[in-house]
C-alpha atoms as a PDB file:
ATOM      1  CA  MET A   1      22.943 -45.227  -1.696  1.00  0.00           C
ATOM      2  CA  PHE A   2      21.750 -48.696  -2.666  1.00  0.00           C
ATOM      3  CA  LEU A   3      25.286 -49.728  -3.570  1.00  0.00           C
ATOM      4  CA  THR A   4      26.595 -48.506  -0.213  1.00  0.00           C
ATOM      5  CA  LEU A   5      23.951 -50.476   1.681  1.00  0.00           C
ATOM      6  CA  THR A   6      24.640 -53.576  -0.409  1.00  0.00           C
ATOM      7  CA  VAL A   7      28.375 -53.391   0.259  1.00  0.00           C
ATOM      8  CA  LEU A   8      27.745 -52.805   3.953  1.00  0.00           C
ATOM      9  CA  ALA A   9      25.375 -55.797   4.133  1.00  0.00           C
ATOM     10  CA  ALA A  10      27.956 -57.965   2.338  1.00  0.00           C
ATOM     11  CA  LEU A  11      30.657 -56.937   4.812  1.00  0.00           C
ATOM     12  CA  ILE A  12      28.424 -57.636   7.796  1.00  0.00           C
ATOM     13  CA  SER A  13      27.393 -61.038   6.478  1.00  0.00           C
ATOM     14  CA  GLY A  14      31.022 -61.875   5.704  1.00  0.00           C
ATOM     15  CA  MET A  15      32.033 -60.958   9.243  1.00  0.00           C
ATOM     16  CA  PHE A  16      29.190 -63.100  10.598  1.00  0.00           C
ATOM     17  CA  VAL A  17      30.311 -66.119   8.555  1.00  0.00           C
ATOM     18  CA  ALA A  18      33.911 -65.621   9.704  1.00  0.00           C
ATOM     19  CA  SER A  19      32.747 -65.398  13.307  1.00  0.00           C
ATOM     20  CA  VAL A  20      30.731 -68.619  13.047  1.00  0.00           C
ATOM     21  CA  ALA A  21      33.653 -70.426  11.394  1.00  0.00           C
ATOM     22  CA  SER A  22      36.000 -69.214  14.129  1.00  0.00           C
ATOM     23  CA  THR A  23      33.610 -70.367  16.846  1.00  0.00           C
ATOM     24  CA  ILE A  24      33.235 -73.820  15.291  1.00  0.00           C
ATOM     25  CA  SER A  25      37.010 -74.123  14.972  1.00  0.00           C
ATOM     26  CA  ALA A  26      37.518 -73.118  18.610  1.00  0.00           C
ATOM     27  CA  LEU A  27      34.903 -75.607  19.800  1.00  0.00           C
ATOM     28  CA  GLN A  28      36.555 -78.372  17.787  1.00  0.00           C
ATOM     29  CA  ARG A  29      39.972 -77.557  19.293  1.00  0.00           C
ATOM     30  CA  GLU A  30      38.451 -77.539  22.774  1.00  0.00           C
ATOM     31  CA  SER A  31      36.799 -80.893  22.113  1.00  0.00           C
ATOM     32  CA  ASP A  32      40.103 -82.354  20.928  1.00  0.00           C
ATOM     33  CA  HIS A  33      41.793 -80.978  24.048  1.00  0.00           C
ATOM     34  CA  TYR A  34      39.276 -82.659  26.351  1.00  0.00           C
ATOM     35  CA  LYS A  35      39.524 -85.941  24.436  1.00  0.00           C
ATOM     36  CA  ALA A  36      43.302 -85.895  24.905  1.00  0.00           C
ATOM     37  CA  LEU A  37      42.874 -85.032  28.578  1.00  0.00           C
ATOM     38  CA  ILE A  38      40.483 -87.950  29.106  1.00  0.00           C
ATOM     39  CA  GLU A  39      42.827 -90.284  27.228  1.00  0.00           C
ATOM     40  CA  ARG A  40      45.767 -89.229  29.441  1.00  0.00           C
ATOM     41  CA  HIS A  41      43.630 -89.684  32.549  1.00  0.00           C
ATOM     42  CA  ARG A  42      42.698 -93.199  31.422  1.00  0.00           C
ATOM     43  CA  ALA A  43      46.385 -94.087  31.114  1.00  0.00           C
ATOM     44  CA  PHE A  44      46.806 -93.675  34.865  1.00  0.00           C
END
């Protein structure tokens, strides 16, 4: 029982870390996109 709960907690925490990493990556891509958009707008 304890082993099952430990494995389940490890899986949940791993999924949480993956979710946070994915969110940070998406925000960074979005930031890069807006920087490029502003740079193109400045060119005109």
